[in-house]
Amino acid sequence: MEQNQTKEPWWKPGVEVFGQVSAWVVVPIVLALIVGKYLDGLYGTKPWIFLSFSCVGFLISSFGIVLTATKYMRKISKEEPSTSSSQAKENGKSNEPKK
């Protein structure tokens, strides 16, 4: 396996993505659960604030995961040429529209 020009280990980008996605899963949901449980005890509204914050935490996590995945998909598509265009060039075909 070939390393890139910055001499980073091959596994570093994968660990970076895993860490960011894990943070998007853990932080909003855990904070929402802790704060929701506390506010339910404070106001005596069990389990409504807890459930509401859990849903909001899930939505924030989902949004963050989509943003992270989109960012890395764009980064990967910039680094590697698409296989369909490289295969078309090899076959003498082009994806460019004819004039």
PDB file of N, CA and C in Angstrom:
ATOM      1  N   MET A   1       0.833  -1.183   0.000  1.00  0.00           N
ATOM      2  CA  MET A   1       0.000   0.000   0.000  1.00  0.00           C
ATOM      3  C   MET A   1       0.874   1.240   0.000  1.00  0.00           C
ATOM      4  N   GLU A   2       0.444   2.176  -0.745  1.00  0.00           N
ATOM      5  CA  GLU A   2       1.207   3.400  -0.941  1.00  0.00           C
ATOM      6  C   GLU A   2       0.725   4.472   0.035  1.00  0.00           C
ATOM      7  N   GLN A   3       1.679   5.165   0.677  1.00  0.00           N
ATOM      8  CA  GLN A   3       1.331   6.249   1.582  1.00  0.00           C
ATOM      9  C   GLN A   3       1.310   7.555   0.802  1.00  0.00           C
ATOM     10  N   ASN A   4       0.492   8.509   1.294  1.00  0.00           N
ATOM     11  CA  ASN A   4       0.422   9.793   0.593  1.00  0.00           C
ATOM     12  C   ASN A   4       1.664  10.636   0.861  1.00  0.00           C
ATOM     13  N   GLN A   5       1.721  11.825   0.285  1.00  0.00           N
ATOM     14  CA  GLN A   5       2.911  12.664   0.330  1.00  0.00           C
ATOM     15  C   GLN A   5       3.242  13.167   1.737  1.00  0.00           C
ATOM     16  N   THR A   6       2.287  13.247   2.630  1.00  0.00           N
ATOM     17  CA  THR A   6       2.551  13.770   3.969  1.00  0.00           C
ATOM     18  C   THR A   6       3.083  12.700   4.903  1.00  0.00           C
ATOM     19  N   LYS A   7       3.317  11.501   4.438  1.00  0.00           N
ATOM     20  CA  LYS A   7       3.862  10.393   5.216  1.00  0.00           C
ATOM     21  C   LYS A   7       2.991  10.022   6.408  1.00  0.00           C
ATOM     22  N   GLU A   8       1.677  10.145   6.256  1.00  0.00           N
ATOM     23  CA  GLU A   8       0.751   9.718   7.293  1.00  0.00           C
ATOM     24  C   GLU A   8       0.547   8.221   7.182  1.00  0.00           C
ATOM     25  N   PRO A   9       0.293   7.551   8.290  1.00  0.00           N
ATOM     26  CA  PRO A   9      -0.021   6.127   8.208  1.00  0.00           C
ATOM     27  C   PRO A   9      -1.325   5.920   7.430  1.00  0.00           C
ATOM     28  N   TRP A  10      -1.461   4.771   6.804  1.00  0.00           N
ATOM     29  CA  TRP A  10      -2.629   4.490   5.965  1.00  0.00           C
ATOM     30  C   TRP A  10      -3.920   4.455   6.761  1.00  0.00           C
ATOM     31  N   TRP A  11      -3.854   4.155   8.041  1.00  0.00           N
ATOM     32  CA  TRP A  11      -5.041   3.991   8.864  1.00  0.00           C
ATOM     33  C   TRP A  11      -5.524   5.294   9.499  1.00  0.00           C
ATOM     34  N   LYS A  12      -4.737   6.341   9.442  1.00  0.00           N
ATOM     35  CA  LYS A  12      -5.077   7.590  10.132  1.00  0.00           C
ATOM     36  C   LYS A  12      -6.406   8.205   9.664  1.00  0.00           C
ATOM     37  N   PRO A  13      -6.692   8.304   8.359  1.00  0.00           N
ATOM     38  CA  PRO A  13      -7.985   8.890   7.948  1.00  0.00           C
ATOM     39  C   PRO A  13      -9.186   8.090   8.459  1.00  0.00           C
ATOM     40  N   GLY A  14      -9.057   6.770   8.490  1.00  0.00           N
ATOM     41  CA  GLY A  14     -10.161   5.950   8.987  1.00  0.00           C
ATOM     42  C   GLY A  14     -10.424   6.173  10.466  1.00  0.00           C
ATOM     43  N   VAL A  15      -9.354   6.278  11.250  1.00  0.00           N
ATOM     44  CA  VAL A  15      -9.498   6.527  12.680  1.00  0.00           C
ATOM     45  C   VAL A  15     -10.065   7.922  12.921  1.00  0.00           C
ATOM     46  N   GLU A  16      -9.669   8.875  12.091  1.00  0.00           N
ATOM     47  CA  GLU A  16     -10.179  10.240  12.206  1.00  0.00           C
ATOM     48  C   GLU A  16     -11.686  10.292  11.956  1.00  0.00           C
ATOM     49  N   VAL A  17     -12.137   9.619  10.919  1.00  0.00           N
ATOM     50  CA  VAL A  17     -13.577   9.577  10.615  1.00  0.00           C
ATOM     51  C   VAL A  17     -14.327   8.865  11.740  1.00  0.00           C
ATOM     52  N   PHE A  18     -13.781   7.736  12.210  1.00  0.00           N
ATOM     53  CA  PHE A  18     -14.411   6.996  13.295  1.00  0.00           C
ATOM     54  C   PHE A  18     -14.546   7.860  14.544  1.00  0.00           C
ATOM     55  N   GLY A  19     -13.497   8.597  14.883  1.00  0.00           N
ATOM     56  CA  GLY A  19     -13.527   9.455  16.057  1.00  0.00           C
ATOM     57  C   GLY A  19     -14.567  10.563  15.948  1.00  0.00           C
ATOM     58  N   GLN A  20     -14.644  11.173  14.775  1.00  0.00           N
ATOM     59  CA  GLN A  20     -15.617  12.259  14.602  1.00  0.00           C
ATOM     60  C   GLN A  20     -17.053  11.748  14.629  1.00  0.00           C
ATOM     61  N   VAL A  21     -17.290  10.623  13.974  1.00  0.00           N
ATOM     62  CA  VAL A  21     -18.650  10.065  13.981  1.00  0.00           C
ATOM     63  C   VAL A  21     -19.022   9.605  15.387  1.00  0.00           C
ATOM     64  N   SER A  22     -18.087   8.988  16.089  1.00  0.00           N
ATOM     65  CA  SER A  22     -18.352   8.556  17.460  1.00  0.00           C
ATOM     66  C   SER A  22     -18.666   9.739  18.357  1.00  0.00           C
ATOM     67  N   ALA A  23     -17.952  10.829  18.184  1.00  0.00           N
ATOM     68  CA  ALA A  23     -18.223  12.030  18.980  1.00  0.00           C
ATOM     69  C   ALA A  23     -19.618  12.565  18.695  1.00  0.00           C
ATOM     70  N   TRP A  24     -20.034  12.529  17.426  1.00  0.00           N
ATOM     71  CA  TRP A  24     -21.380  12.992  17.077  1.00  0.00           C
ATOM     72  C   TRP A  24     -22.447  12.085  17.659  1.00  0.00           C
ATOM     73  N   VAL A  25     -22.125  10.828  17.887  1.00  0.00           N
ATOM     74  CA  VAL A  25     -23.100   9.916  18.485  1.00  0.00           C
ATOM     75  C   VAL A  25     -23.149  10.120  19.995  1.00  0.00           C
ATOM     76  N   VAL A  26     -21.999  10.153  20.634  1.00  0.00           N
ATOM     77  CA  VAL A  26     -21.939  10.138  22.090  1.00  0.00           C
ATOM     78  C   VAL A  26     -22.295  11.481  22.721  1.00  0.00           C
ATOM     79  N   VAL A  27     -21.661  12.546  22.297  1.00  0.00           N
ATOM     80  CA  VAL A  27     -21.773  13.827  23.009  1.00  0.00           C
ATOM     81  C   VAL A  27     -23.210  14.368  23.029  1.00  0.00           C
ATOM     82  N   PRO A  28     -23.877  14.563  21.899  1.00  0.00           N
ATOM     83  CA  PRO A  28     -25.232  15.139  21.980  1.00  0.00           C
ATOM     84  C   PRO A  28     -26.228  14.242  22.719  1.00  0.00           C
ATOM     85  N   ILE A  29     -26.135  12.941  22.515  1.00  0.00           N
ATOM     86  CA  ILE A  29     -27.110  12.053  23.149  1.00  0.00           C
ATOM     87  C   ILE A  29     -26.873  11.976  24.649  1.00  0.00           C
ATOM     88  N   VAL A  30     -25.629  11.817  25.066  1.00  0.00           N
ATOM     89  CA  VAL A  30     -25.342  11.733  26.505  1.00  0.00           C
ATOM     90  C   VAL A  30     -25.696  13.047  27.203  1.00  0.00           C
ATOM     91  N   LEU A  31     -25.335  14.169  26.607  1.00  0.00           N
ATOM     92  CA  LEU A  31     -25.702  15.460  27.210  1.00  0.00           C
ATOM     93  C   LEU A  31     -27.220  15.619  27.299  1.00  0.00           C
ATOM     94  N   ALA A  32     -27.917  15.233  26.245  1.00  0.00           N
ATOM     95  CA  ALA A  32     -29.375  15.346  26.257  1.00  0.00           C
ATOM     96  C   ALA A  32     -29.987  14.459  27.335  1.00  0.00           C
ATOM     97  N   LEU A  33     -29.463  13.259  27.508  1.00  0.00           N
ATOM     98  CA  LEU A  33     -30.004  12.358  28.522  1.00  0.00           C
ATOM     99  C   LEU A  33     -29.739  12.871  29.936  1.00  0.00           C
ATOM    100  N   ILE A  34     -28.537  13.366  30.181  1.00  0.00           N
ATOM    101  CA  ILE A  34     -28.202  13.871  31.516  1.00  0.00           C
ATOM    102  C   ILE A  34     -29.034  15.112  31.844  1.00  0.00           C
ATOM    103  N   VAL A  35     -29.078  16.065  30.921  1.00  0.00           N
ATOM    104  CA  VAL A  35     -29.826  17.301  31.167  1.00  0.00           C
ATOM    105  C   VAL A  35     -31.325  17.007  31.256  1.00  0.00           C
ATOM    106  N   GLY A  36     -31.834  16.151  30.390  1.00  0.00           N
ATOM    107  CA  GLY A  36     -33.255  15.811  30.429  1.00  0.00           C
ATOM    108  C   GLY A  36     -33.658  15.137  31.724  1.00  0.00           C
ATOM    109  N   LYS A  37     -32.841  14.217  32.216  1.00  0.00           N
ATOM    110  CA  LYS A  37     -33.127  13.540  33.481  1.00  0.00           C
ATOM    111  C   LYS A  37     -33.101  14.544  34.642  1.00  0.00           C
ATOM    112  N   TYR A  38     -32.116  15.441  34.612  1.00  0.00           N
ATOM    113  CA  TYR A  38     -32.019  16.454  35.670  1.00  0.00           C
ATOM    114  C   TYR A  38     -33.244  17.372  35.665  1.00  0.00           C
ATOM    115  N   LEU A  39     -33.626  17.858  34.490  1.00  0.00           N
ATOM    116  CA  LEU A  39     -34.765  18.777  34.415  1.00  0.00           C
ATOM    117  C   LEU A  39     -36.076  18.082  34.770  1.00  0.00           C
ATOM    118  N   ASP A  40     -36.206  16.816  34.431  1.00  0.00           N
ATOM    119  CA  ASP A  40     -37.402  16.062  34.839  1.00  0.00           C
ATOM    120  C   ASP A  40     -37.498  15.976  36.359  1.00  0.00           C
ATOM    121  N   GLY A  41     -36.373  15.722  37.007  1.00  0.00           N
ATOM    122  CA  GLY A  41     -36.377  15.667  38.470  1.00  0.00           C
ATOM    123  C   GLY A  41     -36.645  17.028  39.089  1.00  0.00           C
ATOM    124  N   LEU A  42     -36.141  18.072  38.454  1.00  0.00           N
ATOM    125  CA  LEU A  42     -36.301  19.431  38.972  1.00  0.00           C
ATOM    126  C   LEU A  42     -37.750  19.907  38.863  1.00  0.00           C
ATOM    127  N   TYR A  43     -38.380  19.636  37.727  1.00  0.00           N
ATOM    128  CA  TYR A  43     -39.740  20.128  37.496  1.00  0.00           C
ATOM    129  C   TYR A  43     -40.818  19.071  37.710  1.00  0.00           C
ATOM    130  N   GLY A  44     -40.446  17.835  37.983  1.00  0.00           N
ATOM    131  CA  GLY A  44     -41.429  16.778  38.233  1.00  0.00           C
ATOM    132  C   GLY A  44     -42.239  16.418  36.999  1.00  0.00           C
ATOM    133  N   THR A  45     -41.621  16.429  35.857  1.00  0.00           N
ATOM    134  CA  THR A  45     -42.333  16.153  34.601  1.00  0.00           C
ATOM    135  C   THR A  45     -41.959  14.801  34.001  1.00  0.00           C
ATOM    136  N   LYS A  46     -41.504  13.862  34.827  1.00  0.00           N
ATOM    137  CA  LYS A  46     -41.024  12.575  34.302  1.00  0.00           C
ATOM    138  C   LYS A  46     -42.040  11.990  33.347  1.00  0.00           C
ATOM    139  N   PRO A  47     -41.683  11.468  32.262  1.00  0.00           N
ATOM    140  CA  PRO A  47     -40.433  11.389  31.522  1.00  0.00           C
ATOM    141  C   PRO A  47     -40.403  12.350  30.335  1.00  0.00           C
ATOM    142  N   TRP A  48     -41.217  13.385  30.326  1.00  0.00           N
ATOM    143  CA  TRP A  48     -41.432  14.167  29.106  1.00  0.00           C
ATOM    144  C   TRP A  48     -40.221  14.988  28.673  1.00  0.00           C
ATOM    145  N   ILE A  49     -39.583  15.692  29.567  1.00  0.00           N
ATOM    146  CA  ILE A  49     -38.395  16.464  29.172  1.00  0.00           C
ATOM    147  C   ILE A  49     -37.282  15.512  28.758  1.00  0.00           C
ATOM    148  N   PHE A  50     -37.141  14.424  29.499  1.00  0.00           N
ATOM    149  CA  PHE A  50     -36.136  13.405  29.185  1.00  0.00           C
ATOM    150  C   PHE A  50     -36.341  12.873  27.763  1.00  0.00           C
ATOM    151  N   LEU A  51     -37.562  12.514  27.428  1.00  0.00           N
ATOM    152  CA  LEU A  51     -37.855  11.988  26.093  1.00  0.00           C
ATOM    153  C   LEU A  51     -37.675  13.058  25.017  1.00  0.00           C
ATOM    154  N   SER A  52     -38.084  14.275  25.307  1.00  0.00           N
ATOM    155  CA  SER A  52     -37.933  15.365  24.334  1.00  0.00           C
ATOM    156  C   SER A  52     -36.464  15.640  24.046  1.00  0.00           C
ATOM    157  N   PHE A  53     -35.658  15.737  25.098  1.00  0.00           N
ATOM    158  CA  PHE A  53     -34.234  15.966  24.910  1.00  0.00           C
ATOM    159  C   PHE A  53     -33.564  14.796  24.214  1.00  0.00           C
ATOM    160  N   SER A  54     -34.032  13.577  24.483  1.00  0.00           N
ATOM    161  CA  SER A  54     -33.477  12.404  23.804  1.00  0.00           C
ATOM    162  C   SER A  54     -33.717  12.491  22.296  1.00  0.00           C
ATOM    163  N   CYS A  55     -34.914  12.897  21.913  1.00  0.00           N
ATOM    164  CA  CYS A  55     -35.232  13.055  20.485  1.00  0.00           C
ATOM    165  C   CYS A  55     -34.388  14.161  19.847  1.00  0.00           C
ATOM    166  N   VAL A  56     -34.236  15.263  20.533  1.00  0.00           N
ATOM    167  CA  VAL A  56     -33.426  16.367  20.016  1.00  0.00           C
ATOM    168  C   VAL A  56     -31.970  15.930  19.898  1.00  0.00           C
ATOM    169  N   GLY A  57     -31.463  15.210  20.900  1.00  0.00           N
ATOM    170  CA  GLY A  57     -30.100  14.698  20.842  1.00  0.00           C
ATOM    171  C   GLY A  57     -29.896  13.755  19.677  1.00  0.00           C
ATOM    172  N   PHE A  58     -30.890  12.911  19.408  1.00  0.00           N
ATOM    173  CA  PHE A  58     -30.814  12.002  18.270  1.00  0.00           C
ATOM    174  C   PHE A  58     -30.785  12.777  16.949  1.00  0.00           C
ATOM    175  N   LEU A  59     -31.608  13.790  16.834  1.00  0.00           N
ATOM    176  CA  LEU A  59     -31.634  14.593  15.607  1.00  0.00           C
ATOM    177  C   LEU A  59     -30.314  15.328  15.396  1.00  0.00           C
ATOM    178  N   ILE A  60     -29.757  15.878  16.470  1.00  0.00           N
ATOM    179  CA  ILE A  60     -28.468  16.573  16.360  1.00  0.00           C
ATOM    180  C   ILE A  60     -27.386  15.584  15.949  1.00  0.00           C
ATOM    181  N   SER A  61     -27.397  14.386  16.545  1.00  0.00           N
ATOM    182  CA  SER A  61     -26.413  13.355  16.186  1.00  0.00           C
ATOM    183  C   SER A  61     -26.540  12.961  14.717  1.00  0.00           C
ATOM    184  N   SER A  62     -27.760  12.757  14.276  1.00  0.00           N
ATOM    185  CA  SER A  62     -27.982  12.371  12.876  1.00  0.00           C
ATOM    186  C   SER A  62     -27.481  13.447  11.923  1.00  0.00           C
ATOM    187  N   PHE A  63     -27.792  14.693  12.229  1.00  0.00           N
ATOM    188  CA  PHE A  63     -27.356  15.808  11.394  1.00  0.00           C
ATOM    189  C   PHE A  63     -25.826  15.891  11.352  1.00  0.00           C
ATOM    190  N   GLY A  64     -25.196  15.743  12.500  1.00  0.00           N
ATOM    191  CA  GLY A  64     -23.737  15.796  12.566  1.00  0.00           C
ATOM    192  C   GLY A  64     -23.073  14.658  11.802  1.00  0.00           C
ATOM    193  N   ILE A  65     -23.644  13.476  11.878  1.00  0.00           N
ATOM    194  CA  ILE A  65     -23.088  12.330  11.157  1.00  0.00           C
ATOM    195  C   ILE A  65     -23.198  12.548   9.655  1.00  0.00           C
ATOM    196  N   VAL A  66     -24.321  13.070   9.212  1.00  0.00           N
ATOM    197  CA  VAL A  66     -24.498  13.352   7.783  1.00  0.00           C
ATOM    198  C   VAL A  66     -23.492  14.409   7.323  1.00  0.00           C
ATOM    199  N   LEU A  67     -23.295  15.451   8.117  1.00  0.00           N
ATOM    200  CA  LEU A  67     -22.311  16.476   7.757  1.00  0.00           C
ATOM    201  C   LEU A  67     -20.904  15.895   7.663  1.00  0.00           C
ATOM    202  N   THR A  68     -20.525  15.080   8.636  1.00  0.00           N
ATOM    203  CA  THR A  68     -19.196  14.471   8.634  1.00  0.00           C
ATOM    204  C   THR A  68     -19.022  13.542   7.441  1.00  0.00           C
ATOM    205  N   ALA A  69     -20.016  12.714   7.179  1.00  0.00           N
ATOM    206  CA  ALA A  69     -19.931  11.789   6.045  1.00  0.00           C
ATOM    207  C   ALA A  69     -19.849  12.544   4.725  1.00  0.00           C
ATOM    208  N   THR A  70     -20.633  13.601   4.582  1.00  0.00           N
ATOM    209  CA  THR A  70     -20.605  14.406   3.360  1.00  0.00           C
ATOM    210  C   THR A  70     -19.239  15.052   3.155  1.00  0.00           C
ATOM    211  N   LYS A  71     -18.660  15.563   4.241  1.00  0.00           N
ATOM    212  CA  LYS A  71     -17.343  16.200   4.153  1.00  0.00           C
ATOM    213  C   LYS A  71     -16.293  15.207   3.669  1.00  0.00           C
ATOM    214  N   TYR A  72     -16.310  14.010   4.224  1.00  0.00           N
ATOM    215  CA  TYR A  72     -15.299  13.028   3.836  1.00  0.00           C
ATOM    216  C   TYR A  72     -15.562  12.443   2.447  1.00  0.00           C
ATOM    217  N   MET A  73     -16.816  12.342   2.040  1.00  0.00           N
ATOM    218  CA  MET A  73     -17.096  11.884   0.678  1.00  0.00           C
ATOM    219  C   MET A  73     -16.589  12.891  -0.343  1.00  0.00           C
ATOM    220  N   ARG A  74     -16.750  14.183  -0.053  1.00  0.00           N
ATOM    221  CA  ARG A  74     -16.214  15.215  -0.958  1.00  0.00           C
ATOM    222  C   ARG A  74     -14.697  15.162  -0.994  1.00  0.00           C
ATOM    223  N   LYS A  75     -14.081  14.973   0.161  1.00  0.00           N
ATOM    224  CA  LYS A  75     -12.625  14.900   0.234  1.00  0.00           C
ATOM    225  C   LYS A  75     -12.108  13.708  -0.569  1.00  0.00           C
ATOM    226  N   ILE A  76     -12.757  12.575  -0.447  1.00  0.00           N
ATOM    227  CA  ILE A  76     -12.342  11.375  -1.177  1.00  0.00           C
ATOM    228  C   ILE A  76     -12.533  11.568  -2.674  1.00  0.00           C
ATOM    229  N   SER A  77     -13.646  12.179  -3.084  1.00  0.00           N
ATOM    230  CA  SER A  77     -13.891  12.359  -4.517  1.00  0.00           C
ATOM    231  C   SER A  77     -12.897  13.347  -5.137  1.00  0.00           C
ATOM    232  N   LYS A  78     -12.377  14.294  -4.351  1.00  0.00           N
ATOM    233  CA  LYS A  78     -11.361  15.211  -4.864  1.00  0.00           C
ATOM    234  C   LYS A  78     -10.007  14.528  -4.984  1.00  0.00           C
ATOM    235  N   GLU A  79      -9.702  13.621  -4.049  1.00  0.00           N
ATOM    236  CA  GLU A  79      -8.401  12.957  -4.044  1.00  0.00           C
ATOM    237  C   GLU A  79      -8.272  11.896  -5.134  1.00  0.00           C
ATOM    238  N   GLU A  80      -9.350  11.166  -5.406  1.00  0.00           N
ATOM    239  CA  GLU A  80      -9.296  10.084  -6.372  1.00  0.00           C
ATOM    240  C   GLU A  80     -10.176  10.402  -7.573  1.00  0.00           C
ATOM    241  N   PRO A  81      -9.668  10.197  -8.762  1.00  0.00           N
ATOM    242  CA  PRO A  81     -10.528  10.387  -9.930  1.00  0.00           C
ATOM    243  C   PRO A  81     -11.600   9.303  -9.942  1.00  0.00           C
ATOM    244  N   SER A  82     -12.749   9.646 -10.452  1.00  0.00           N
ATOM    245  CA  SER A  82     -13.838   8.674 -10.468  1.00  0.00           C
ATOM    246  C   SER A  82     -13.505   7.523 -11.402  1.00  0.00           C
ATOM    247  N   THR A  83     -13.938   6.333 -11.033  1.00  0.00           N
ATOM    248  CA  THR A  83     -13.606   5.151 -11.823  1.00  0.00           C
ATOM    249  C   THR A  83     -14.340   5.159 -13.161  1.00  0.00           C
ATOM    250  N   SER A  84     -15.533   5.727 -13.202  1.00  0.00           N
ATOM    251  CA  SER A  84     -16.268   5.716 -14.460  1.00  0.00           C
ATOM    252  C   SER A  84     -15.594   6.600 -15.505  1.00  0.00           C
ATOM    253  N   SER A  85     -15.067   7.757 -15.092  1.00  0.00           N
ATOM    254  CA  SER A  85     -14.419   8.625 -16.064  1.00  0.00           C
ATOM    255  C   SER A  85     -13.074   8.055 -16.502  1.00  0.00           C
ATOM    256  N   SER A  86     -12.354   7.416 -15.573  1.00  0.00           N
ATOM    257  CA  SER A  86     -11.064   6.836 -15.970  1.00  0.00           C
ATOM    258  C   SER A  86     -11.275   5.626 -16.868  1.00  0.00           C
ATOM    259  N   GLN A  87     -12.317   4.837 -16.618  1.00  0.00           N
ATOM    260  CA  GLN A  87     -12.609   3.701 -17.485  1.00  0.00           C
ATOM    261  C   GLN A  87     -13.067   4.176 -18.857  1.00  0.00           C
ATOM    262  N   ALA A  88     -13.832   5.250 -18.899  1.00  0.00           N
ATOM    263  CA  ALA A  88     -14.304   5.765 -20.182  1.00  0.00           C
ATOM    264  C   ALA A  88     -13.137   6.289 -21.009  1.00  0.00           C
ATOM    265  N   LYS A  89     -12.170   6.935 -20.357  1.00  0.00           N
ATOM    266  CA  LYS A  89     -11.007   7.431 -21.083  1.00  0.00           C
ATOM    267  C   LYS A  89     -10.179   6.283 -21.638  1.00  0.00           C
ATOM    268  N   GLU A  90     -10.075   5.201 -20.860  1.00  0.00           N
ATOM    269  CA  GLU A  90      -9.329   4.037 -21.329  1.00  0.00           C
ATOM    270  C   GLU A  90     -10.000   3.407 -22.547  1.00  0.00           C
ATOM    271  N   ASN A  91     -11.314   3.450 -22.583  1.00  0.00           N
ATOM    272  CA  ASN A  91     -12.066   2.856 -23.690  1.00  0.00           C
ATOM    273  C   ASN A  91     -12.224   3.826 -24.867  1.00  0.00           C
ATOM    274  N   GLY A  92     -11.702   5.014 -24.753  1.00  0.00           N
ATOM    275  CA  GLY A  92     -11.793   5.993 -25.834  1.00  0.00           C
ATOM    276  C   GLY A  92     -13.079   6.796 -25.796  1.00  0.00           C
ATOM    277  N   LYS A  93     -13.856   6.659 -24.727  1.00  0.00           N
ATOM    278  CA  LYS A  93     -15.107   7.391 -24.590  1.00  0.00           C
ATOM    279  C   LYS A  93     -14.885   8.517 -23.592  1.00  0.00           C
ATOM    280  N   SER A  94     -15.691   9.528 -23.695  1.00  0.00           N
ATOM    281  CA  SER A  94     -15.599  10.655 -22.785  1.00  0.00           C
ATOM    282  C   SER A  94     -16.968  10.961 -22.221  1.00  0.00           C
ATOM    283  N   ASN A  95     -17.011  11.432 -20.975  1.00  0.00           N
ATOM    284  CA  ASN A  95     -18.272  11.830 -20.362  1.00  0.00           C
ATOM    285  C   ASN A  95     -18.666  13.249 -20.714  1.00  0.00           C
ATOM    286  N   GLU A  96     -17.794  13.940 -21.441  1.00  0.00           N
ATOM    287  CA  GLU A  96     -18.072  15.311 -21.813  1.00  0.00           C
ATOM    288  C   GLU A  96     -19.123  15.355 -22.910  1.00  0.00           C
ATOM    289  N   PRO A  97     -20.033  16.331 -22.853  1.00  0.00           N
ATOM    290  CA  PRO A  97     -21.055  16.433 -23.894  1.00  0.00           C
ATOM    291  C   PRO A  97     -20.428  16.819 -25.228  1.00  0.00           C
ATOM    292  N   LYS A  98     -21.018  16.293 -26.302  1.00  0.00           N
ATOM    293  CA  LYS A  98     -20.519  16.620 -27.648  1.00  0.00           C
ATOM    294  C   LYS A  98     -21.043  17.971 -28.066  1.00  0.00           C
ATOM    295  N   LYS A  99     -20.212  18.695 -28.811  1.00  0.00           N
ATOM    296  CA  LYS A  99     -20.603  20.047 -29.255  1.00  0.00           C
ATOM    297  C   LYS A  99     -21.106  20.027 -30.653  1.00  0.00           C
TER     298      LYS A  99
END
